[in-house]
PDB file of N, CA and C in Angstrom:
ATOM      1  N   MET A   1     145.653 133.739 181.532  1.00  0.00           N
ATOM      2  CA  MET A   1     145.090 132.856 180.364  1.00  0.00           C
ATOM      3  C   MET A   1     144.328 133.358 179.626  1.00  0.00           C
ATOM      4  N   GLU A   2     144.142 134.782 180.045  1.00  0.00           N
ATOM      5  CA  GLU A   2     143.561 136.405 179.608  1.00  0.00           C
ATOM      6  C   GLU A   2     144.040 136.600 178.172  1.00  0.00           C
ATOM      7  N   LYS A   3     144.794 136.427 178.462  1.00  0.00           N
ATOM      8  CA  LYS A   3     146.110 136.821 176.761  1.00  0.00           C
ATOM      9  C   LYS A   3     146.218 135.658 176.244  1.00  0.00           C
ATOM     10  N   ASP A   4     146.353 134.121 176.564  1.00  0.00           N
ATOM     11  CA  ASP A   4     146.274 133.489 175.474  1.00  0.00           C
ATOM     12  C   ASP A   4     145.421 133.566 175.010  1.00  0.00           C
ATOM     13  N   HIS A   5     144.019 133.805 175.889  1.00  0.00           N
ATOM     14  CA  HIS A   5     143.126 133.228 174.669  1.00  0.00           C
ATOM     15  C   HIS A   5     142.797 135.397 173.919  1.00  0.00           C
ATOM     16  N   LEU A   6     143.367 136.023 174.214  1.00  0.00           N
ATOM     17  CA  LEU A   6     143.201 137.510 173.643  1.00  0.00           C
ATOM     18  C   LEU A   6     144.087 137.019 171.655  1.00  0.00           C
ATOM     19  N   GLU A   7     145.884 135.969 172.320  1.00  0.00           N
ATOM     20  CA  GLU A   7     145.972 135.798 171.345  1.00  0.00           C
ATOM     21  C   GLU A   7     145.299 134.797 170.168  1.00  0.00           C
ATOM     22  N   ILE A   8     144.557 133.669 170.671  1.00  0.00           N
ATOM     23  CA  ILE A   8     143.994 133.005 169.900  1.00  0.00           C
ATOM     24  C   ILE A   8     142.750 133.857 169.196  1.00  0.00           C
ATOM     25  N   LEU A   9     142.108 135.245 169.574  1.00  0.00           N
ATOM     26  CA  LEU A   9     140.987 135.494 169.017  1.00  0.00           C
ATOM     27  C   LEU A   9     141.681 136.647 167.700  1.00  0.00           C
ATOM     28  N   LEU A  10     143.198 136.574 168.321  1.00  0.00           N
ATOM     29  CA  LEU A  10     144.239 137.778 167.141  1.00  0.00           C
ATOM     30  C   LEU A  10     144.595 136.650 166.025  1.00  0.00           C
ATOM     31  N   GLU A  11     144.776 135.538 166.608  1.00  0.00           N
ATOM     32  CA  GLU A  11     145.243 134.516 165.070  1.00  0.00           C
ATOM     33  C   GLU A  11     143.675 134.519 163.898  1.00  0.00           C
ATOM     34  N   ASP A  12     142.660 133.700 164.699  1.00  0.00           N
ATOM     35  CA  ASP A  12     142.154 133.240 164.761  1.00  0.00           C
ATOM     36  C   ASP A  12     141.148 134.754 164.011  1.00  0.00           C
ATOM     37  N   MET A  13     141.469 135.701 164.077  1.00  0.00           N
ATOM     38  CA  MET A  13     141.390 136.946 162.820  1.00  0.00           C
ATOM     39  C   MET A  13     142.385 137.624 161.908  1.00  0.00           C
ATOM     40  N   CYS A  14     143.632 137.018 162.444  1.00  0.00           N
ATOM     41  CA  CYS A  14     144.765 137.363 161.099  1.00  0.00           C
ATOM     42  C   CYS A  14     143.980 136.608 160.015  1.00  0.00           C
ATOM     43  N   GLY A  15     143.743 135.250 160.631  1.00  0.00           N
ATOM     44  CA  GLY A  15     143.198 133.844 159.571  1.00  0.00           C
ATOM     45  C   GLY A  15     142.203 134.045 158.403  1.00  0.00           C
ATOM     46  N   ASN A  16     141.100 134.403 159.106  1.00  0.00           N
ATOM     47  CA  ASN A  16     140.243 134.912 158.836  1.00  0.00           C
ATOM     48  C   ASN A  16     140.197 136.481 157.093  1.00  0.00           C
ATOM     49  N   VAL A  17     141.698 137.066 157.507  1.00  0.00           N
ATOM     50  CA  VAL A  17     141.375 138.543 157.111  1.00  0.00           C
ATOM     51  C   VAL A  17     142.368 137.732 155.616  1.00  0.00           C
ATOM     52  N   LYS A  18     142.928 137.720 156.245  1.00  0.00           N
ATOM     53  CA  LYS A  18     143.877 136.783 154.668  1.00  0.00           C
ATOM     54  C   LYS A  18     142.782 136.035 154.088  1.00  0.00           C
ATOM     55  N   LEU A  19     142.199 134.865 154.956  1.00  0.00           N
ATOM     56  CA  LEU A  19     140.985 134.677 153.762  1.00  0.00           C
ATOM     57  C   LEU A  19     140.213 135.525 153.274  1.00  0.00           C
ATOM     58  N   VAL A  20     139.841 136.167 153.736  1.00  0.00           N
ATOM     59  CA  VAL A  20     138.849 137.470 152.122  1.00  0.00           C
ATOM     60  C   VAL A  20     140.315 138.489 152.079  1.00  0.00           C
ATOM     61  N   LEU A  21     141.008 138.828 151.724  1.00  0.00           N
ATOM     62  CA  LEU A  21     142.383 138.935 150.610  1.00  0.00           C
ATOM     63  C   LEU A  21     142.419 137.892 150.125  1.00  0.00           C
ATOM     64  N   GLU A  22     142.624 136.725 150.456  1.00  0.00           N
ATOM     65  CA  GLU A  22     141.989 135.780 149.184  1.00  0.00           C
ATOM     66  C   GLU A  22     141.432 135.748 148.538  1.00  0.00           C
ATOM     67  N   GLY A  23     140.543 135.946 148.509  1.00  0.00           N
ATOM     68  CA  GLY A  23     138.822 136.096 148.361  1.00  0.00           C
ATOM     69  C   GLY A  23     138.885 136.870 147.019  1.00  0.00           C
ATOM     70  N   HIS A  24     139.296 138.240 147.652  1.00  0.00           N
ATOM     71  CA  HIS A  24     139.095 139.485 146.858  1.00  0.00           C
ATOM     72  C   HIS A  24     140.108 139.123 145.691  1.00  0.00           C
ATOM     73  N   GLU A  25     141.858 138.431 145.892  1.00  0.00           N
ATOM     74  CA  GLU A  25     142.533 138.697 144.688  1.00  0.00           C
ATOM     75  C   GLU A  25     141.957 136.914 143.847  1.00  0.00           C
ATOM     76  N   VAL A  26     140.923 136.413 144.184  1.00  0.00           N
ATOM     77  CA  VAL A  26     140.736 134.764 143.148  1.00  0.00           C
ATOM     78  C   VAL A  26     139.511 136.112 142.032  1.00  0.00           C
ATOM     79  N   LEU A  27     138.733 136.921 142.957  1.00  0.00           N
ATOM     80  CA  LEU A  27     138.187 137.649 142.393  1.00  0.00           C
ATOM     81  C   LEU A  27     137.856 138.467 141.783  1.00  0.00           C
ATOM     82  N   ARG A  28     139.015 139.171 141.768  1.00  0.00           N
ATOM     83  CA  ARG A  28     139.698 140.381 141.000  1.00  0.00           C
ATOM     84  C   ARG A  28     140.238 139.405 139.763  1.00  0.00           C
ATOM     85  N   HIS A  29     140.900 138.420 139.552  1.00  0.00           N
ATOM     86  CA  HIS A  29     141.065 137.458 138.768  1.00  0.00           C
ATOM     87  C   HIS A  29     140.890 137.393 138.136  1.00  0.00           C
ATOM     88  N   GLU A  30     138.933 136.890 138.616  1.00  0.00           N
ATOM     89  CA  GLU A  30     138.407 136.515 137.556  1.00  0.00           C
ATOM     90  C   GLU A  30     136.858 137.243 137.358  1.00  0.00           C
ATOM     91  N   ILE A  31     137.214 138.986 137.698  1.00  0.00           N
ATOM     92  CA  ILE A  31     137.101 139.786 137.006  1.00  0.00           C
ATOM     93  C   ILE A  31     138.027 140.381 135.876  1.00  0.00           C
ATOM     94  N   GLN A  32     138.574 140.691 136.562  1.00  0.00           N
ATOM     95  CA  GLN A  32     139.784 141.270 134.929  1.00  0.00           C
ATOM     96  C   GLN A  32     139.729 139.667 133.853  1.00  0.00           C
ATOM     97  N   ASP A  33     139.452 138.214 134.158  1.00  0.00           N
ATOM     98  CA  ASP A  33     139.292 137.270 132.739  1.00  0.00           C
ATOM     99  C   ASP A  33     137.603 137.553 131.854  1.00  0.00           C
ATOM    100  N   LEU A  34     136.918 138.718 132.849  1.00  0.00           N
ATOM    101  CA  LEU A  34     136.033 138.490 132.063  1.00  0.00           C
ATOM    102  C   LEU A  34     135.465 139.530 131.433  1.00  0.00           C
ATOM    103  N   ALA A  35     136.350 140.333 131.441  1.00  0.00           N
ATOM    104  CA  ALA A  35     136.568 141.507 131.181  1.00  0.00           C
ATOM    105  C   ALA A  35     137.255 141.454 129.717  1.00  0.00           C
ATOM    106  N   ARG A  36     139.176 141.042 130.570  1.00  0.00           N
ATOM    107  CA  ARG A  36     138.990 140.500 128.975  1.00  0.00           C
ATOM    108  C   ARG A  36     138.481 139.689 128.062  1.00  0.00           C
ATOM    109  N   GLU A  37     137.712 138.440 128.073  1.00  0.00           N
ATOM    110  CA  GLU A  37     136.724 137.285 126.996  1.00  0.00           C
ATOM    111  C   GLU A  37     136.247 138.785 126.393  1.00  0.00           C
ATOM    112  N   THR A  38     135.320 139.702 127.386  1.00  0.00           N
ATOM    113  CA  THR A  38     134.090 140.634 127.470  1.00  0.00           C
ATOM    114  C   THR A  38     134.287 141.464 125.656  1.00  0.00           C
ATOM    115  N   ARG A  39     136.260 142.126 125.787  1.00  0.00           N
ATOM    116  CA  ARG A  39     136.506 143.019 124.801  1.00  0.00           C
ATOM    117  C   ARG A  39     137.010 141.904 122.805  1.00  0.00           C
ATOM    118  N   GLU A  40     137.342 140.454 123.964  1.00  0.00           N
ATOM    119  CA  GLU A  40     138.181 139.674 122.959  1.00  0.00           C
ATOM    120  C   GLU A  40     136.014 139.841 121.837  1.00  0.00           C
ATOM    121  N   ARG A  41     134.825 139.334 122.525  1.00  0.00           N
ATOM    122  CA  ARG A  41     133.674 139.205 121.664  1.00  0.00           C
ATOM    123  C   ARG A  41     133.588 140.422 121.225  1.00  0.00           C
ATOM    124  N   PHE A  42     133.859 141.470 122.179  1.00  0.00           N
ATOM    125  CA  PHE A  42     132.878 142.945 121.188  1.00  0.00           C
ATOM    126  C   PHE A  42     133.918 142.783 119.772  1.00  0.00           C
ATOM    127  N   GLU A  43     135.419 142.930 119.718  1.00  0.00           N
ATOM    128  CA  GLU A  43     136.492 143.087 118.804  1.00  0.00           C
ATOM    129  C   GLU A  43     136.335 142.342 117.753  1.00  0.00           C
ATOM    130  N   VAL A  44     135.252 140.587 118.012  1.00  0.00           N
ATOM    131  CA  VAL A  44     134.916 140.100 117.058  1.00  0.00           C
ATOM    132  C   VAL A  44     133.503 140.416 116.037  1.00  0.00           C
ATOM    133  N   VAL A  45     132.710 141.179 117.576  1.00  0.00           N
ATOM    134  CA  VAL A  45     130.983 141.802 116.660  1.00  0.00           C
ATOM    135  C   VAL A  45     131.415 142.540 115.941  1.00  0.00           C
ATOM    136  N   ASP A  46     132.135 143.471 116.344  1.00  0.00           N
ATOM    137  CA  ASP A  46     132.500 145.071 115.567  1.00  0.00           C
ATOM    138  C   ASP A  46     133.027 144.589 114.292  1.00  0.00           C
ATOM    139  N   LEU A  47     134.305 143.573 114.037  1.00  0.00           N
ATOM    140  CA  LEU A  47     134.372 142.857 113.013  1.00  0.00           C
ATOM    141  C   LEU A  47     133.373 142.303 111.730  1.00  0.00           C
ATOM    142  N   LYS A  48     132.520 141.490 112.735  1.00  0.00           N
ATOM    143  CA  LYS A  48     131.177 141.138 111.580  1.00  0.00           C
ATOM    144  C   LYS A  48     130.063 141.920 111.901  1.00  0.00           C
ATOM    145  N   PHE A  49     130.149 143.183 112.028  1.00  0.00           N
ATOM    146  CA  PHE A  49     128.892 144.507 111.724  1.00  0.00           C
ATOM    147  C   PHE A  49     129.931 145.050 110.626  1.00  0.00           C
ATOM    148  N   GLU A  50     131.180 145.811 110.729  1.00  0.00           N
ATOM    149  CA  GLU A  50     132.047 146.249 109.743  1.00  0.00           C
ATOM    150  C   GLU A  50     131.715 145.251 108.205  1.00  0.00           C
ATOM    151  N   ALA A  51     131.771 144.139 107.991  1.00  0.00           N
ATOM    152  CA  ALA A  51     131.497 142.937 106.654  1.00  0.00           C
ATOM    153  C   ALA A  51     129.976 142.945 106.621  1.00  0.00           C
ATOM    154  N   LEU A  52     129.036 143.348 107.072  1.00  0.00           N
ATOM    155  CA  LEU A  52     128.166 143.005 107.062  1.00  0.00           C
ATOM    156  C   LEU A  52     127.149 144.569 106.408  1.00  0.00           C
ATOM    157  N   ASN A  53     127.910 145.656 107.156  1.00  0.00           N
ATOM    158  CA  ASN A  53     127.899 146.819 106.399  1.00  0.00           C
ATOM    159  C   ASN A  53     128.353 147.143 105.421  1.00  0.00           C
ATOM    160  N   THR A  54     130.014 146.042 105.148  1.00  0.00           N
ATOM    161  CA  THR A  54     130.183 146.699 103.258  1.00  0.00           C
ATOM    162  C   THR A  54     129.304 145.604 102.859  1.00  0.00           C
ATOM    163  N   LYS A  55     128.640 144.600 103.086  1.00  0.00           N
ATOM    164  CA  LYS A  55     128.125 143.455 102.486  1.00  0.00           C
ATOM    165  C   LYS A  55     126.414 144.953 101.802  1.00  0.00           C
ATOM    166  N   ILE A  56     125.965 144.800 102.600  1.00  0.00           N
ATOM    167  CA  ILE A  56     125.050 145.765 102.688  1.00  0.00           C
ATOM    168  C   ILE A  56     124.802 147.006 101.603  1.00  0.00           C
ATOM    169  N   ASP A  57     125.902 148.457 101.570  1.00  0.00           N
ATOM    170  CA  ASP A  57     126.725 149.176 100.882  1.00  0.00           C
ATOM    171  C   ASP A  57     126.667 148.319  99.519  1.00  0.00           C
ATOM    172  N   THR A  58     127.064 147.306  99.156  1.00  0.00           N
ATOM    173  CA  THR A  58     127.448 146.762  98.405  1.00  0.00           C
ATOM    174  C   THR A  58     126.612 145.864  97.685  1.00  0.00           C
ATOM    175  N   VAL A  59     124.561 145.738  99.041  1.00  0.00           N
ATOM    176  CA  VAL A  59     123.490 145.334  98.166  1.00  0.00           C
ATOM    177  C   VAL A  59     122.949 146.434  97.351  1.00  0.00           C
ATOM    178  N   ASP A  60     123.553 147.391  98.442  1.00  0.00           N
ATOM    179  CA  ASP A  60     122.383 149.070  98.189  1.00  0.00           C
ATOM    180  C   ASP A  60     122.861 149.508  97.297  1.00  0.00           C
ATOM    181  N   LYS A  61     124.092 149.001  96.702  1.00  0.00           N
ATOM    182  CA  LYS A  61     124.328 149.845  95.188  1.00  0.00           C
ATOM    183  C   LYS A  61     123.862 148.968  94.325  1.00  0.00           C
ATOM    184  N   LYS A  62     124.744 147.562  94.205  1.00  0.00           N
ATOM    185  CA  LYS A  62     123.274 147.086  92.529  1.00  0.00           C
ATOM    186  C   LYS A  62     121.824 146.962  92.054  1.00  0.00           C
ATOM    187  N   LEU A  63     121.464 147.355  93.403  1.00  0.00           N
ATOM    188  CA  LEU A  63     120.256 147.267  93.780  1.00  0.00           C
ATOM    189  C   LEU A  63     119.502 148.895  92.650  1.00  0.00           C
ATOM    190  N   SER A  64     120.224 149.841  93.560  1.00  0.00           N
ATOM    191  CA  SER A  64     120.368 151.246  92.807  1.00  0.00           C
ATOM    192  C   SER A  64     120.987 151.437  91.281  1.00  0.00           C
ATOM    193  N   ASP A  65     121.297 150.265  91.633  1.00  0.00           N
ATOM    194  CA  ASP A  65     121.905 150.512  89.626  1.00  0.00           C
ATOM    195  C   ASP A  65     120.837 149.991  88.453  1.00  0.00           C
ATOM    196  N   LYS A  66     120.135 148.828  89.351  1.00  0.00           N
ATOM    197  CA  LYS A  66     119.041 148.436  88.789  1.00  0.00           C
ATOM    198  C   LYS A  66     118.062 148.699  88.437  1.00  0.00           C
ATOM    199  N   ILE A  67     117.735 149.718  89.038  1.00  0.00           N
ATOM    200  CA  ILE A  67     116.559 150.296  89.784  1.00  0.00           C
ATOM    201  C   ILE A  67     116.515 151.795  88.511  1.00  0.00           C
ATOM    202  N   ASP A  68     118.563 152.207  88.389  1.00  0.00           N
ATOM    203  CA  ASP A  68     118.271 153.453  88.363  1.00  0.00           C
ATOM    204  C   ASP A  68     117.803 152.391  86.355  1.00  0.00           C
ATOM    205  N   ALA A  69     118.517 151.581  85.649  1.00  0.00           N
ATOM    206  CA  ALA A  69     118.547 151.040  84.746  1.00  0.00           C
ATOM    207  C   ALA A  69     117.571 150.639  83.567  1.00  0.00           C
ATOM    208  N   VAL A  70     116.289 150.186  84.850  1.00  0.00           N
ATOM    209  CA  VAL A  70     114.884 150.041  84.522  1.00  0.00           C
ATOM    210  C   VAL A  70     113.893 150.804  84.061  1.00  0.00           C
ATOM    211  N   ASP A  71     114.801 151.979  85.170  1.00  0.00           N
ATOM    212  CA  ASP A  71     114.410 153.026  85.257  1.00  0.00           C
ATOM    213  C   ASP A  71     114.226 154.044  83.553  1.00  0.00           C
ATOM    214  N   GLU A  72     116.105 153.478  83.688  1.00  0.00           N
ATOM    215  CA  GLU A  72     115.400 154.758  81.783  1.00  0.00           C
ATOM    216  C   GLU A  72     115.200 153.565  80.458  1.00  0.00           C
ATOM    217  N   LYS A  73     115.245 152.756  80.884  1.00  0.00           N
ATOM    218  CA  LYS A  73     114.586 151.417  80.094  1.00  0.00           C
ATOM    219  C   LYS A  73     113.213 151.717  80.083  1.00  0.00           C
ATOM    220  N   LEU A  74     112.406 152.002  80.576  1.00  0.00           N
ATOM    221  CA  LEU A  74     111.017 152.280  80.662  1.00  0.00           C
ATOM    222  C   LEU A  74     110.416 153.866  79.857  1.00  0.00           C
ATOM    223  N   SER A  75     111.545 154.816  80.755  1.00  0.00           N
ATOM    224  CA  SER A  75     111.550 156.048  80.279  1.00  0.00           C
ATOM    225  C   SER A  75     112.216 156.093  78.632  1.00  0.00           C
ATOM    226  N   ASN A  76     112.631 155.257  78.235  1.00  0.00           N
ATOM    227  CA  ASN A  76     113.172 155.293  76.662  1.00  0.00           C
ATOM    228  C   ASN A  76     111.941 154.627  76.312  1.00  0.00           C
ATOM    229  N   ARG A  77     111.057 153.504  76.511  1.00  0.00           N
ATOM    230  CA  ARG A  77     109.945 153.240  75.539  1.00  0.00           C
ATOM    231  C   ARG A  77     108.685 153.521  75.686  1.00  0.00           C
ATOM    232  N   ILE A  78     108.480 154.818  76.767  1.00  0.00           N
ATOM    233  CA  ILE A  78     107.715 155.783  77.612  1.00  0.00           C
ATOM    234  C   ILE A  78     107.696 157.071  76.015  1.00  0.00           C
ATOM    235  N   ASP A  79     109.081 157.508  75.785  1.00  0.00           N
ATOM    236  CA  ASP A  79     109.510 157.951  74.590  1.00  0.00           C
ATOM    237  C   ASP A  79     109.304 157.727  73.709  1.00  0.00           C
ATOM    238  N   ALA A  80     109.550 156.504  73.167  1.00  0.00           N
ATOM    239  CA  ALA A  80     108.966 156.049  71.494  1.00  0.00           C
ATOM    240  C   ALA A  80     107.780 155.660  71.966  1.00  0.00           C
ATOM    241  N   VAL A  81     106.506 155.823  72.553  1.00  0.00           N
ATOM    242  CA  VAL A  81     105.239 155.649  72.689  1.00  0.00           C
ATOM    243  C   VAL A  81     104.728 157.359  72.138  1.00  0.00           C
TER     244      VAL A  81
END
């Protein structure tokens, strides 16, 4: 009777270990999926930042050119007076 009881306990433990392993496998896949999704989102964000930096550089250049033109006009008018 004791041997049968031990075999039942060992089978139960084996089943529990298999459940734990399956749970770890599921978690591992979920973590991998999350890591992949996070990488993809960061790539999109990086592209948007690059586009935004380009736009900011363009606006900065336009504003600098306009300010330089206004400064030159004012300097010419002041010199004319």
